[in-house]
Structure formats: structure tokens, C-alpha cells
N, C-alpha and C. Protein backbone atom coordinates (compact mmCIF):
# COMPACT_ATOMS: atom_id res chain seq x y z
N UNK A 1 -12.81 -9.37 -10.13
CA UNK A 1 -11.47 -8.95 -9.92
C UNK A 1 -11.38 -8.33 -11.16
N UNK A 2 -11.01 -7.06 -11.54
CA UNK A 2 -10.93 -6.58 -12.66
C UNK A 2 -9.47 -5.52 -12.50
N UNK A 3 -9.32 -5.19 -13.84
CA UNK A 3 -8.29 -4.25 -13.78
C UNK A 3 -8.83 -2.79 -13.42
N UNK A 4 -7.78 -2.00 -12.59
CA UNK A 4 -8.34 -0.83 -12.41
C UNK A 4 -8.27 0.03 -13.54
N UNK A 5 -9.68 1.08 -13.47
CA UNK A 5 -9.81 1.84 -14.55
C UNK A 5 -9.78 3.40 -14.00
N UNK A 6 -10.28 4.28 -14.81
CA UNK A 6 -10.41 5.71 -14.48
C UNK A 6 -11.51 5.87 -13.89
N UNK A 7 -12.03 6.45 -12.94
CA UNK A 7 -13.08 6.52 -12.10
C UNK A 7 -12.97 5.70 -10.69
N UNK A 8 -12.01 4.29 -10.60
CA UNK A 8 -11.93 3.90 -9.45
C UNK A 8 -11.48 4.57 -8.00
N UNK A 9 -10.89 5.78 -8.31
CA UNK A 9 -10.22 6.38 -7.40
C UNK A 9 -10.87 6.49 -6.00
N UNK A 10 -12.26 7.18 -6.32
CA UNK A 10 -13.11 7.16 -5.18
C UNK A 10 -13.32 6.14 -4.38
N UNK A 11 -13.66 5.06 -5.09
CA UNK A 11 -13.96 3.63 -4.26
C UNK A 11 -12.58 3.16 -3.46
N UNK A 12 -11.52 3.43 -4.22
CA UNK A 12 -10.23 2.99 -3.66
C UNK A 12 -10.04 3.50 -2.47
N UNK A 13 -9.89 4.77 -2.73
CA UNK A 13 -9.57 5.78 -1.55
C UNK A 13 -10.62 5.58 -0.48
N UNK A 14 -11.80 4.91 -0.85
CA UNK A 14 -12.45 4.76 0.50
C UNK A 14 -12.21 3.43 1.15
N UNK A 15 -11.85 2.36 0.19
CA UNK A 15 -11.30 1.47 0.91
C UNK A 15 -9.81 1.45 1.87
N UNK A 16 -9.26 2.20 1.40
CA UNK A 16 -7.77 2.89 1.80
C UNK A 16 -8.26 3.33 3.44
N UNK A 17 -9.36 4.19 3.30
CA UNK A 17 -9.66 4.69 4.81
C UNK A 17 -10.07 3.57 5.44
N UNK A 18 -11.40 3.00 5.21
CA UNK A 18 -11.82 1.69 5.86
C UNK A 18 -10.80 0.69 6.81
N UNK A 19 -9.37 0.74 5.91
CA UNK A 19 -8.87 -0.17 6.51
C UNK A 19 -7.40 0.50 7.01
N UNK A 20 -7.80 1.88 6.91
CA UNK A 20 -6.37 2.68 7.61
C UNK A 20 -6.16 3.00 9.11
N UNK A 21 -6.40 1.97 9.91
CA UNK A 21 -6.00 2.05 11.19
C UNK A 21 -5.52 0.83 11.57
N UNK A 22 -4.38 0.46 10.83
CA UNK A 22 -3.46 -0.87 11.08
C UNK A 22 -4.65 -2.12 10.44
N UNK A 23 -5.34 -1.86 9.82
CA UNK A 23 -6.12 -2.93 8.94
C UNK A 23 -7.53 -2.56 9.60
N UNK A 24 -8.08 -1.86 10.89
CA UNK A 24 -9.18 -1.79 10.85
C UNK A 24 -9.77 -0.18 10.42
N UNK A 25 -10.91 0.04 10.95
CA UNK A 25 -11.59 1.17 10.25
C UNK A 25 -11.05 2.73 10.71
N UNK A 26 -10.46 3.25 9.60
CA UNK A 26 -9.64 4.56 10.03
C UNK A 26 -10.54 5.60 9.96
N UNK A 27 -11.68 5.70 9.59
CA UNK A 27 -12.36 6.79 9.24
C UNK A 27 -12.44 7.77 10.42
N UNK A 28 -13.13 6.85 11.70
CA UNK A 28 -12.81 8.06 12.92
C UNK A 28 -11.66 9.18 13.30
N UNK A 29 -10.35 8.51 12.51
CA UNK A 29 -9.17 9.67 12.80
C UNK A 29 -9.15 10.10 11.64
N UNK A 30 -9.88 10.06 10.51
CA UNK A 30 -9.33 10.67 9.63
C UNK A 30 -10.86 11.80 9.03
N UNK A 31 -11.75 11.92 9.62
CA UNK A 31 -12.98 12.66 8.96
C UNK A 31 -12.59 13.96 8.56
N UNK A 32 -11.25 14.79 8.86
CA UNK A 32 -11.45 16.07 8.54
C UNK A 32 -10.76 16.08 7.02
N UNK A 33 -10.22 14.89 6.66
CA UNK A 33 -9.59 14.82 5.28
C UNK A 33 -9.65 12.87 4.83
N UNK A 34 -11.02 12.71 4.52
CA UNK A 34 -11.10 11.23 4.39
C UNK A 34 -10.10 10.46 3.46
N UNK A 35 -9.31 11.64 2.22
CA UNK A 35 -8.52 11.01 1.15
C UNK A 35 -7.03 11.09 1.58
N UNK A 36 -6.94 11.38 2.71
CA UNK A 36 -5.14 11.88 2.94
C UNK A 36 -4.60 10.61 2.89
N UNK A 37 -4.99 9.03 3.42
CA UNK A 37 -3.95 8.28 3.25
C UNK A 37 -4.12 7.31 1.59
N UNK A 38 -5.22 7.73 0.96
CA UNK A 38 -5.49 7.07 -0.19
C UNK A 38 -4.65 7.96 -1.21
N UNK A 39 -3.96 9.45 -0.83
CA UNK A 39 -3.04 9.98 -1.85
C UNK A 39 -2.11 9.42 -1.53
N UNK A 40 -1.52 9.02 -0.48
CA UNK A 40 -0.11 8.03 -0.73
C UNK A 40 -0.07 6.60 -1.05
N UNK A 41 -1.38 5.86 -0.68
CA UNK A 41 -1.08 4.39 -0.75
C UNK A 41 -1.90 3.85 -1.74
N UNK A 42 -2.87 4.61 -2.51
CA UNK A 42 -3.34 4.22 -3.62
C UNK A 42 -3.41 4.84 -5.04
N UNK A 43 -3.82 6.04 -5.05
CA UNK A 43 -3.44 7.20 -5.96
C UNK A 43 -2.17 7.07 -6.86
N UNK A 44 -1.26 7.19 -6.35
CA UNK A 44 0.21 6.78 -7.34
C UNK A 44 0.24 5.25 -7.72
N UNK A 45 -0.26 4.52 -7.33
CA UNK A 45 -0.34 3.25 -8.38
C UNK A 45 -1.55 3.23 -9.35
N UNK A 46 -2.74 3.49 -9.22
CA UNK A 46 -3.11 3.97 -9.78
C UNK A 46 -2.83 4.97 -11.44
N UNK A 47 -2.41 5.25 -11.14
CA UNK A 47 -1.64 6.73 -12.00
C UNK A 47 -0.52 6.12 -12.71
N UNK A 48 0.53 5.94 -12.01
CA UNK A 48 2.05 5.62 -12.43
C UNK A 48 2.18 4.00 -12.89
N UNK A 49 1.33 3.14 -12.07
CA UNK A 49 1.10 1.65 -12.51
C UNK A 49 0.22 0.81 -12.66
N UNK A 50 -0.54 1.40 -13.57
CA UNK A 50 -2.10 0.65 -14.05
C UNK A 50 -1.81 -0.62 -14.29
N UNK A 51 -0.74 -1.08 -14.99
CA UNK A 51 -0.51 -2.49 -15.25
C UNK A 51 -0.81 -3.73 -14.09
N UNK A 52 -0.38 -3.02 -13.00
CA UNK A 52 -0.51 -4.02 -11.92
C UNK A 52 -1.38 -3.27 -10.93
N UNK A 53 -2.66 -2.77 -11.29
CA UNK A 53 -3.41 -2.52 -10.19
C UNK A 53 -4.61 -3.06 -10.69
N UNK A 54 -5.27 -3.85 -9.69
CA UNK A 54 -6.17 -4.85 -9.93
C UNK A 54 -7.19 -4.19 -8.53
N UNK A 55 -8.67 -3.95 -8.74
CA UNK A 55 -9.89 -4.03 -8.24
C UNK A 55 -10.47 -4.89 -8.11
N UNK A 56 -11.02 -5.10 -6.62
CA UNK A 56 -12.12 -6.09 -6.39
C UNK A 56 -13.19 -5.66 -6.01
N UNK A 57 -14.64 -6.03 -7.07
CA UNK A 57 -15.84 -5.32 -6.48
C UNK A 57 -16.99 -6.21 -6.45
N UNK A 58 -18.06 -5.77 -5.74
CA UNK A 58 -18.96 -6.89 -5.95
C UNK A 58 -20.62 -5.88 -5.99
N UNK A 59 -21.65 -6.41 -6.00
CA UNK A 59 -22.66 -5.70 -5.85
C UNK A 59 -22.81 -4.60 -5.41
N UNK A 60 -22.35 -4.26 -3.99
CA UNK A 60 -22.14 -3.21 -3.04
C UNK A 60 -21.15 -2.05 -3.72
N UNK A 61 -20.38 -2.41 -4.51
CA UNK A 61 -19.25 -1.53 -5.02
C UNK A 61 -17.84 -2.19 -4.90
N UNK A 62 -17.00 -1.06 -4.88
CA UNK A 62 -15.45 -1.58 -4.80
C UNK A 62 -15.58 -1.82 -3.63
N UNK A 63 -14.83 -2.97 -3.02
CA UNK A 63 -14.15 -3.53 -2.08
C UNK A 63 -12.88 -3.96 -1.50
N UNK A 64 -12.57 -3.82 -2.55
CA UNK A 64 -10.72 -4.04 -2.24
C UNK A 64 -9.65 -3.91 -3.52
N UNK A 65 -8.50 -3.65 -3.13
CA UNK A 65 -7.30 -3.68 -4.51
C UNK A 65 -6.38 -4.38 -3.89
N UNK A 66 -5.47 -4.72 -4.96
CA UNK A 66 -4.02 -5.24 -4.67
C UNK A 66 -3.35 -4.13 -6.04
N UNK A 67 -2.35 -3.54 -5.36
CA UNK A 67 -1.30 -2.71 -6.27
C UNK A 67 -0.16 -3.33 -6.12
N UNK A 68 0.45 -2.95 -7.57
CA UNK A 68 2.22 -3.37 -7.31
C UNK A 68 2.91 -2.38 -8.09
N UNK A 69 4.16 -2.39 -7.68
CA UNK A 69 5.31 -1.33 -8.35
C UNK A 69 6.31 -2.40 -9.25
N UNK A 70 6.41 -2.23 -10.36
CA UNK A 70 7.51 -3.26 -10.77
C UNK A 70 8.88 -2.79 -10.36
N UNK A 71 9.68 -1.56 -10.52
CA UNK A 71 10.64 -1.61 -9.96
C UNK A 71 10.34 -0.30 -8.83
N UNK A 72 11.22 -0.41 -7.31
CA UNK A 72 10.63 0.13 -6.78
C UNK A 72 10.97 1.62 -6.68
N UNK A 73 12.65 1.50 -6.94
CA UNK A 73 13.12 2.69 -7.07
C UNK A 73 12.88 4.02 -8.15
N UNK A 74 12.44 2.94 -9.42
CA UNK A 74 11.93 3.61 -10.59
C UNK A 74 10.77 4.45 -10.00
N UNK A 75 9.84 3.71 -9.14
CA UNK A 75 8.46 3.93 -8.81
C UNK A 75 8.60 5.42 -8.00
N UNK A 76 9.32 5.28 -6.91
CA UNK A 76 9.41 6.42 -5.95
C UNK A 76 10.11 7.62 -6.63
N UNK A 77 11.14 7.21 -7.75
CA UNK A 77 11.42 8.24 -8.30
C UNK A 77 10.73 9.34 -8.93
N UNK A 78 9.74 8.61 -9.57
CA UNK A 78 8.72 9.13 -10.47
C UNK A 78 7.20 9.82 -9.47
N UNK A 79 7.09 9.08 -7.99
CA UNK A 79 6.46 9.40 -7.08
C UNK A 79 6.98 11.04 -6.67
N UNK A 80 8.18 11.04 -6.37
CA UNK A 80 8.73 12.11 -6.07
C UNK A 80 8.78 13.41 -6.82
N UNK A 81 8.69 13.23 -8.34
CA UNK A 81 8.75 14.06 -9.28
C UNK A 81 7.47 14.59 -9.97
N UNK A 82 6.54 13.16 -9.90
CA UNK A 82 5.32 13.49 -10.90
C UNK A 82 4.15 13.70 -9.82
N UNK A 83 4.41 13.25 -8.77
CA UNK A 83 3.09 12.88 -7.64
C UNK A 83 2.96 14.19 -6.50
N UNK A 84 4.12 13.90 -5.94
CA UNK A 84 4.28 14.59 -4.43
C UNK A 84 4.58 15.91 -4.44
N UNK A 85 4.73 16.89 -5.64
CA UNK A 85 4.81 18.25 -5.49
C UNK A 85 3.41 18.83 -5.43
N UNK A 86 2.55 18.16 -6.08
CA UNK A 86 1.11 18.76 -5.78
C UNK A 86 0.44 18.60 -4.86
N UNK A 87 0.93 17.38 -4.14
CA UNK A 87 0.62 17.31 -2.58
C UNK A 87 1.26 18.23 -1.87
N UNK A 88 2.37 18.37 -1.74
CA UNK A 88 3.13 19.66 -0.97
C UNK A 88 2.20 20.93 -1.00
N UNK A 89 2.20 21.08 -1.99
CA UNK A 89 1.76 22.72 -2.48
C UNK A 89 0.38 22.69 -1.97
N UNK A 90 -0.48 21.66 -2.03
CA UNK A 90 -1.70 21.82 -1.20
C UNK A 90 -1.92 21.57 0.19
N UNK A 91 -0.86 20.92 0.44
CA UNK A 91 -1.15 20.53 1.94
C UNK A 91 0.25 20.64 2.74
N UNK A 92 0.20 21.99 3.51
CA UNK A 92 1.32 22.40 4.08
C UNK A 92 2.05 21.42 5.08
N UNK A 93 3.10 21.28 5.32
CA UNK A 93 3.84 20.64 6.11
C UNK A 93 3.42 20.91 7.65
N UNK A 94 2.85 20.03 8.49
CA UNK A 94 2.11 20.80 9.89
C UNK A 94 3.26 21.44 10.47
N UNK A 95 2.89 22.47 11.64
CA UNK A 95 3.48 23.00 12.45
C UNK A 95 3.61 22.72 13.91
N UNK A 96 4.51 22.87 14.45
CA UNK A 96 4.18 22.51 16.18
C UNK A 96 4.86 21.41 16.23
N UNK A 97 4.51 20.67 17.70
CA UNK A 97 4.88 19.38 18.42
C UNK A 97 4.74 18.55 17.42
N UNK A 98 5.35 17.24 16.91
CA UNK A 98 4.92 16.19 16.45
C UNK A 98 3.88 15.35 17.23
N UNK A 99 4.20 15.41 18.30
CA UNK A 99 3.44 14.54 19.23
C UNK A 99 2.26 15.04 19.77
N UNK A 100 1.68 16.07 19.17
CA UNK A 100 0.18 16.80 19.40
C UNK A 100 -0.64 16.75 18.15
N UNK A 101 0.04 16.11 16.77
CA UNK A 101 -0.27 16.24 15.61
C UNK A 101 -1.39 15.07 15.40
N UNK A 102 -2.66 15.34 14.90
CA UNK A 102 -3.62 14.28 14.56
C UNK A 102 -3.15 13.56 13.72
N UNK A 103 -3.98 12.22 13.36
CA UNK A 103 -3.69 11.46 11.97
C UNK A 103 -3.38 12.19 10.86
N UNK A 104 -4.24 13.00 10.39
CA UNK A 104 -4.42 13.57 9.20
C UNK A 104 -2.98 14.54 9.07
N UNK A 105 -2.51 15.34 10.13
CA UNK A 105 -1.15 15.85 10.11
C UNK A 105 -0.20 14.76 10.12
N UNK A 106 -0.16 13.82 10.62
CA UNK A 106 1.13 12.92 10.17
C UNK A 106 1.09 12.89 8.81
N UNK A 107 -0.07 12.34 8.14
CA UNK A 107 -0.22 11.65 6.77
C UNK A 107 0.53 13.25 5.80
N UNK A 108 0.27 14.48 6.62
CA UNK A 108 0.42 15.61 5.60
C UNK A 108 2.40 15.52 5.75
N UNK A 109 2.59 15.10 6.69
CA UNK A 109 4.10 14.97 7.13
C UNK A 109 4.78 14.31 6.13
N UNK A 110 4.04 13.13 5.97
CA UNK A 110 4.46 11.89 5.11
C UNK A 110 4.60 12.83 3.64
N UNK A 111 3.49 13.42 3.34
CA UNK A 111 3.91 14.09 1.87
C UNK A 111 5.28 14.91 1.81
N UNK A 112 5.37 15.45 2.82
CA UNK A 112 6.55 16.43 2.72
C UNK A 112 8.10 15.24 3.08
N UNK A 113 8.15 14.57 3.92
CA UNK A 113 8.78 13.84 4.31
C UNK A 113 8.72 12.19 3.90
N UNK A 114 8.60 11.85 2.59
CA UNK A 114 8.13 10.43 2.73
C UNK A 114 9.57 9.31 2.71
N UNK A 115 8.55 8.17 2.83
CA UNK A 115 9.46 7.04 3.51
C UNK A 115 9.98 6.08 1.95
N UNK A 116 11.37 6.12 1.87
CA UNK A 116 11.12 5.71 0.32
C UNK A 116 12.33 3.84 0.65
N UNK A 117 12.26 3.33 1.86
CA UNK A 117 12.73 2.48 2.29
C UNK A 117 12.46 1.10 1.28
N UNK A 118 13.68 0.66 0.76
CA UNK A 118 13.47 -0.64 0.10
C UNK A 118 14.38 -1.60 0.93
N UNK A 119 13.91 -2.97 1.25
CA UNK A 119 14.80 -3.94 2.49
C UNK A 119 15.61 -4.32 1.13
N UNK A 120 16.76 -5.06 1.62
CA UNK A 120 17.88 -5.59 1.18
C UNK A 120 17.62 -7.14 1.48
N UNK A 121 18.08 -7.87 -0.06
CA UNK A 121 18.62 -7.93 -1.16
C UNK A 121 17.71 -7.33 -2.08
N UNK A 122 18.05 -5.86 -2.46
CA UNK A 122 17.03 -5.18 -3.39
C UNK A 122 16.84 -6.25 -4.90
N UNK A 123 18.14 -6.48 -5.26
CA UNK A 123 18.16 -7.05 -6.43
C UNK A 123 17.23 -8.24 -6.67
N UNK A 124 16.81 -8.98 -5.42
CA UNK A 124 16.08 -10.18 -5.46
C UNK A 124 14.68 -9.91 -5.35
N UNK A 125 14.40 -8.39 -4.29
CA UNK A 125 12.80 -8.34 -4.12
C UNK A 125 12.63 -6.82 -4.83
N UNK A 126 13.01 -6.32 -6.00
CA UNK A 126 12.99 -5.13 -6.53
C UNK A 126 11.64 -4.63 -6.52
N UNK A 127 10.43 -5.32 -6.67
CA UNK A 127 9.00 -4.83 -7.06
C UNK A 127 8.42 -4.95 -5.50
N UNK A 128 7.16 -4.14 -5.24
CA UNK A 128 6.52 -4.36 -3.94
C UNK A 128 5.07 -4.22 -4.29
N UNK A 129 4.60 -4.67 -3.16
CA UNK A 129 2.99 -4.66 -3.42
C UNK A 129 2.51 -4.03 -2.15
N UNK A 130 1.19 -3.80 -2.29
CA UNK A 130 0.10 -3.30 -1.50
C UNK A 130 -1.33 -3.65 -1.61
N UNK A 131 -2.06 -4.30 -0.59
CA UNK A 131 -3.37 -4.49 -0.69
C UNK A 131 -4.16 -4.30 0.70
N UNK A 132 -5.46 -3.99 0.12
CA UNK A 132 -6.22 -3.96 1.00
C UNK A 132 -8.03 -4.35 0.76
N UNK A 133 -8.61 -4.90 1.80
CA UNK A 133 -9.82 -5.52 1.79
C UNK A 133 -10.90 -4.85 2.61
N UNK A 134 -12.04 -4.64 2.44
CA UNK A 134 -13.27 -4.26 3.53
C UNK A 134 -13.50 -5.53 3.98
N UNK A 135 -14.21 -5.39 5.19
CA UNK A 135 -14.45 -6.41 5.84
C UNK A 135 -15.03 -7.74 5.19
N UNK A 136 -16.16 -7.01 4.51
CA UNK A 136 -16.98 -8.21 3.95
C UNK A 136 -16.68 -8.96 2.57
N UNK A 137 -15.33 -8.58 2.13
CA UNK A 137 -14.77 -9.30 1.40
C UNK A 137 -13.34 -9.95 2.19
N UNK A 138 -13.12 -9.91 3.29
CA UNK A 138 -12.18 -10.67 3.89
C UNK A 138 -12.50 -12.36 4.03
N UNK A 139 -11.43 -13.23 4.34
CA UNK A 139 -11.65 -14.65 4.51
C UNK A 139 -12.32 -15.28 3.68
N UNK A 140 -12.32 -15.23 2.25
CA UNK A 140 -13.09 -15.50 1.45
C UNK A 140 -11.92 -16.13 0.15
N UNK A 141 -10.56 -15.84 0.40
CA UNK A 141 -9.86 -16.25 -0.77
C UNK A 141 -9.46 -14.97 -1.73
N UNK A 142 -10.59 -13.98 -2.01
CA UNK A 142 -10.15 -13.28 -2.94
C UNK A 142 -8.75 -12.36 -2.60
N UNK A 143 -8.34 -12.24 -1.48
CA UNK A 143 -6.86 -11.48 -1.21
C UNK A 143 -5.89 -12.36 -1.77
N UNK A 144 -6.06 -13.80 -1.62
CA UNK A 144 -4.93 -14.59 -2.23
C UNK A 144 -5.23 -14.54 -3.84
N UNK A 145 -6.28 -14.55 -4.13
CA UNK A 145 -6.49 -14.40 -5.54
C UNK A 145 -5.72 -13.12 -6.32
N UNK A 146 -5.98 -11.96 -5.72
CA UNK A 146 -5.57 -10.32 -6.12
C UNK A 146 -3.90 -10.81 -6.23
N UNK A 147 -3.28 -10.87 -4.87
CA UNK A 147 -2.13 -11.20 -4.49
C UNK A 147 -1.25 -12.15 -5.71
N UNK A 148 -2.13 -13.38 -6.14
CA UNK A 148 -1.56 -14.04 -7.18
C UNK A 148 -1.38 -13.68 -8.41
N UNK A 149 -2.20 -12.72 -8.82
CA UNK A 149 -2.53 -12.39 -9.85
C UNK A 149 -1.53 -11.36 -9.97
N UNK A 150 -1.52 -10.39 -9.36
CA UNK A 150 -0.30 -9.42 -9.35
C UNK A 150 0.83 -9.75 -9.19
N UNK A 151 1.53 -10.61 -8.49
CA UNK A 151 2.63 -11.18 -8.59
C UNK A 151 2.92 -12.07 -9.93
N UNK A 152 1.92 -12.73 -10.26
CA UNK A 152 2.16 -13.44 -11.57
C UNK A 152 2.15 -12.22 -12.94
N UNK A 153 1.90 -11.18 -12.92
CA UNK A 153 1.81 -10.28 -13.65
C UNK A 153 3.32 -9.44 -13.57
N UNK A 154 3.80 -9.22 -12.38
CA UNK A 154 5.23 -8.94 -12.25
C UNK A 154 6.53 -9.73 -12.60
N UNK A 155 6.02 -11.21 -12.48
CA UNK A 155 7.02 -11.98 -12.99
C UNK A 155 7.21 -12.06 -14.36
N UNK A 156 5.81 -12.23 -15.10
CA UNK A 156 5.59 -12.12 -16.69
C UNK A 156 6.47 -10.93 -17.20
N UNK A 157 6.67 -9.58 -16.30
CA UNK A 157 7.18 -8.21 -16.64
C UNK A 157 8.77 -8.59 -16.86
N UNK A 158 9.13 -9.39 -15.88
CA UNK A 158 10.60 -9.89 -15.30
C UNK A 158 11.28 -9.73 -13.94
N UNK A 159 10.17 -9.31 -13.42
CA UNK A 159 10.63 -9.25 -11.85
C UNK A 159 11.18 -10.71 -10.91
N UNK A 160 12.21 -10.76 -10.34
CA UNK A 160 12.48 -11.76 -9.93
C UNK A 160 11.78 -12.08 -8.23
N UNK A 161 10.99 -11.11 -7.86
CA UNK A 161 10.74 -11.17 -6.56
C UNK A 161 9.85 -9.72 -6.19
N UNK A 162 9.32 -9.55 -5.07
CA UNK A 162 8.49 -8.48 -4.34
C UNK A 162 8.83 -8.47 -3.12
N UNK A 163 8.52 -7.35 -2.44
CA UNK A 163 8.68 -7.12 -0.89
C UNK A 163 7.33 -6.21 -0.43
N UNK A 164 7.07 -6.04 0.38
CA UNK A 164 5.85 -5.30 1.17
C UNK A 164 6.36 -5.12 2.51
N UNK A 165 5.54 -4.06 3.17
CA UNK A 165 5.69 -3.65 4.68
C UNK A 165 4.15 -3.71 5.18
N UNK A 166 4.63 -3.96 6.49
CA UNK A 166 2.91 -4.12 7.41
C UNK A 166 3.59 -3.40 8.67
N UNK A 167 2.64 -2.88 9.56
CA UNK A 167 3.11 -2.29 10.53
C UNK A 167 2.85 -3.51 11.63
N UNK A 168 3.89 -3.53 12.79
CA UNK A 168 3.75 -4.54 13.99
C UNK A 168 2.18 -4.60 14.83
N UNK A 169 1.74 -3.59 14.46
CA UNK A 169 0.31 -3.49 15.08
C UNK A 169 -0.78 -4.27 14.60
N UNK A 170 -0.66 -5.17 13.45
CA UNK A 170 -1.21 -5.76 12.37
C UNK A 170 -0.92 -6.95 12.19
N UNK A 171 -1.15 -8.00 13.16
CA UNK A 171 -0.43 -9.28 13.19
C UNK A 171 -1.27 -10.24 12.26
N UNK A 172 -2.30 -9.96 11.86
CA UNK A 172 -3.36 -10.70 11.15
C UNK A 172 -2.88 -10.61 9.44
N UNK A 173 -2.16 -9.12 9.35
CA UNK A 173 -1.75 -9.12 7.92
C UNK A 173 -0.51 -10.04 7.88
N UNK A 174 0.23 -10.00 8.84
CA UNK A 174 1.74 -10.69 8.82
C UNK A 174 1.31 -12.06 8.71
N UNK A 175 0.07 -12.84 9.58
CA UNK A 175 0.09 -14.28 9.18
C UNK A 175 -0.58 -14.45 7.58
N UNK A 176 -1.49 -13.44 7.14
CA UNK A 176 -1.72 -13.48 5.94
C UNK A 176 -0.49 -13.86 4.35
N UNK A 177 0.36 -12.76 4.71
CA UNK A 177 1.69 -12.67 3.77
C UNK A 177 2.13 -14.00 4.24
N UNK A 178 2.31 -14.71 5.57
CA UNK A 178 3.37 -15.53 5.55
C UNK A 178 2.64 -16.73 4.97
N UNK A 179 1.36 -16.87 4.70
CA UNK A 179 0.69 -18.15 4.54
C UNK A 179 0.56 -17.92 3.04
N UNK A 180 0.84 -16.75 2.43
CA UNK A 180 1.04 -16.51 0.84
C UNK A 180 2.59 -16.79 0.70
N UNK A 181 3.92 -17.31 1.51
CA UNK A 181 4.98 -17.37 0.98
C UNK A 181 5.76 -16.67 1.20
N UNK A 182 5.77 -15.24 1.72
CA UNK A 182 6.66 -14.48 1.93
C UNK A 182 7.17 -14.54 3.38
N UNK A 183 8.62 -14.38 3.19
CA UNK A 183 9.54 -14.23 4.66
C UNK A 183 9.91 -13.35 5.12
N UNK A 184 9.97 -13.11 6.24
CA UNK A 184 10.45 -11.47 6.86
C UNK A 184 12.08 -11.40 6.42
N UNK A 185 11.91 -10.20 6.32
CA UNK A 185 13.59 -9.61 5.58
C UNK A 185 13.87 -8.62 6.96
N UNK A 186 13.08 -8.04 7.39
CA UNK A 186 14.10 -7.02 8.46
C UNK A 186 12.95 -6.23 9.11
N UNK A 187 13.22 -5.85 10.22
CA UNK A 187 12.15 -4.75 10.90
C UNK A 187 12.79 -3.43 11.45
N UNK A 188 11.67 -2.54 11.06
CA UNK A 188 12.65 -1.26 11.06
C UNK A 188 11.76 -0.32 12.24
N UNK A 189 12.21 0.08 13.45
CA UNK A 189 11.46 0.95 14.18
C UNK A 189 10.80 0.11 15.10
N UNK A 190 10.32 0.50 16.36
CA UNK A 190 9.84 -0.37 17.35
C UNK A 190 8.25 -0.07 17.59
N UNK A 191 7.87 -0.53 18.49
CA UNK A 191 6.35 -0.33 18.76
C UNK A 191 5.55 -0.66 17.80
N UNK A 192 4.18 -0.34 17.83
CA UNK A 192 2.95 -0.31 16.92
C UNK A 192 3.43 -0.31 15.45
N UNK A 193 4.15 0.81 15.54
CA UNK A 193 3.98 1.64 14.21
C UNK A 193 5.19 1.08 13.85
N UNK A 194 6.41 0.07 14.18
CA UNK A 194 7.18 -0.20 13.39
C UNK A 194 6.97 -0.99 12.22
N UNK A 195 7.87 -0.95 11.20
CA UNK A 195 7.38 -1.94 10.06
C UNK A 195 8.35 -3.17 10.01
N UNK A 196 7.39 -4.12 9.52
CA UNK A 196 8.17 -5.56 9.24
C UNK A 196 7.99 -5.76 7.73
N UNK A 197 9.15 -5.82 7.23
CA UNK A 197 9.22 -6.03 5.59
C UNK A 197 9.30 -7.37 5.44
N UNK A 198 8.53 -7.84 4.67
CA UNK A 198 8.50 -9.41 3.97
C UNK A 198 8.84 -9.22 2.73
N UNK A 199 9.85 -10.30 2.02
CA UNK A 199 9.62 -10.68 0.89
C UNK A 199 9.35 -12.13 0.01
N UNK A 200 9.27 -12.19 -1.09
CA UNK A 200 8.98 -13.24 -1.49
C UNK A 200 9.40 -13.49 -3.11
N UNK A 201 10.42 -14.45 -3.56
CA UNK A 201 10.90 -14.78 -4.91
C UNK A 201 9.84 -15.43 -5.81
N UNK A 202 9.59 -14.71 -6.81
CA UNK A 202 8.49 -15.40 -7.69
C UNK A 202 9.45 -16.74 -8.53
N UNK A 203 10.60 -17.10 -8.54
CA UNK A 203 10.81 -18.38 -8.83
C UNK A 203 10.98 -19.28 -7.86
N UNK A 204 10.73 -19.26 -6.37
CA UNK A 204 11.05 -19.91 -5.40
C UNK A 204 9.36 -20.98 -5.70
N UNK A 205 9.22 -22.43 -4.97
CA UNK A 205 8.07 -22.59 -4.88
C UNK A 205 7.11 -21.87 -4.08
């Protein structure tokens, strides 16, 4: 486990791809642009919040990460002004019926129509977190260590708590977050792509 550094983008984007199907391997769905997801869920954090970007690496290479943003609203403002314009310029908004879009086209639409939702009470959970591990690194306690370290860094910086979102189609992840002390705050949307938001206070036991 170490701090992220320049040059980690490729490996971290690969982890995002290999966990990009609701926690399972997303590579079959994103072959036309394997980095599509990473440009949303990894790159902005490595660039804008390096203090809260941790990398997990073994002898075979980068196998996981945990990422955090200290103040979500400030992070999204910077994402909107410093990161997203380049994406929109390089990857046009898909045309046609959204029901016919590929997974890659759906992500391109996110570039143009981002979701900056933050659950309430925001003053209690202003930070947010994101973690992904390759299968070979799962179930060995590394995820807990990564999440604990990022939360401790956020707390030392002055954050009272953090939230995170997980698709309803990923019940394993929800169980992991509950085991770490996160509690459900709100559900947004229905079906597998509906999102469950969890929060955890850094001052609670």
C-alpha cells in the first residue's frame, strides 16, 4: 500500500476496467475504449486529490486503489472546470436513442451530463470515497486497510465524515461497506443501476 504517484494512471485505469461491471470484469463491455470509466472514476482523483489517493501493488503490478475527496462540492466544481471540458471536447455526446447506446456511449454521456449528487446531511458527510480491487487482492483485508487509511487522512485534515455510492447490482460491495461501519443514507433510482448511498462519521465508534 502506497501513495499514488505519476505513472499510476494506466494501471489504475485497468483496475477500474476489470471491476467496471458492477464489481465484476467490465472488459467485455468496454473494448472499444478501455479507459472510458477510468476517466471518470480514477483520473480526476489522482490529479485533483493526490493526498487522498492510495495504490495497492503486488509483484504482478497495480491491483487496487482507494480514492477520496475532502470536500465533494469543491471537488465537483474543479472536475467541472478543470477536467470535464477536455473529455467533452474529445468524446462527443452520443446521438440517437439512449436505449441503443453501448456501455462506452453511456459513459461518454456521463462526460457531458455528470451526476454531482451528494446525500444529506452534507455537513456530516462532506467527503466521499471510492475503492476497487482486482480479484486476486480481494478477501485478504487489503480493502479495509486502504479505506481505513484514506478515512484517517480525511479526518486529520478536518473532515467529520464521508459518503460513497454503490449500485444496487453490487450487493457484495454493500456488505463490505456495512462491515466497515457505513450506514445507508438514501437510495436513488430503481433496478440494478439504482444507487445506494452510505455514510460514516469519523467521530463515531
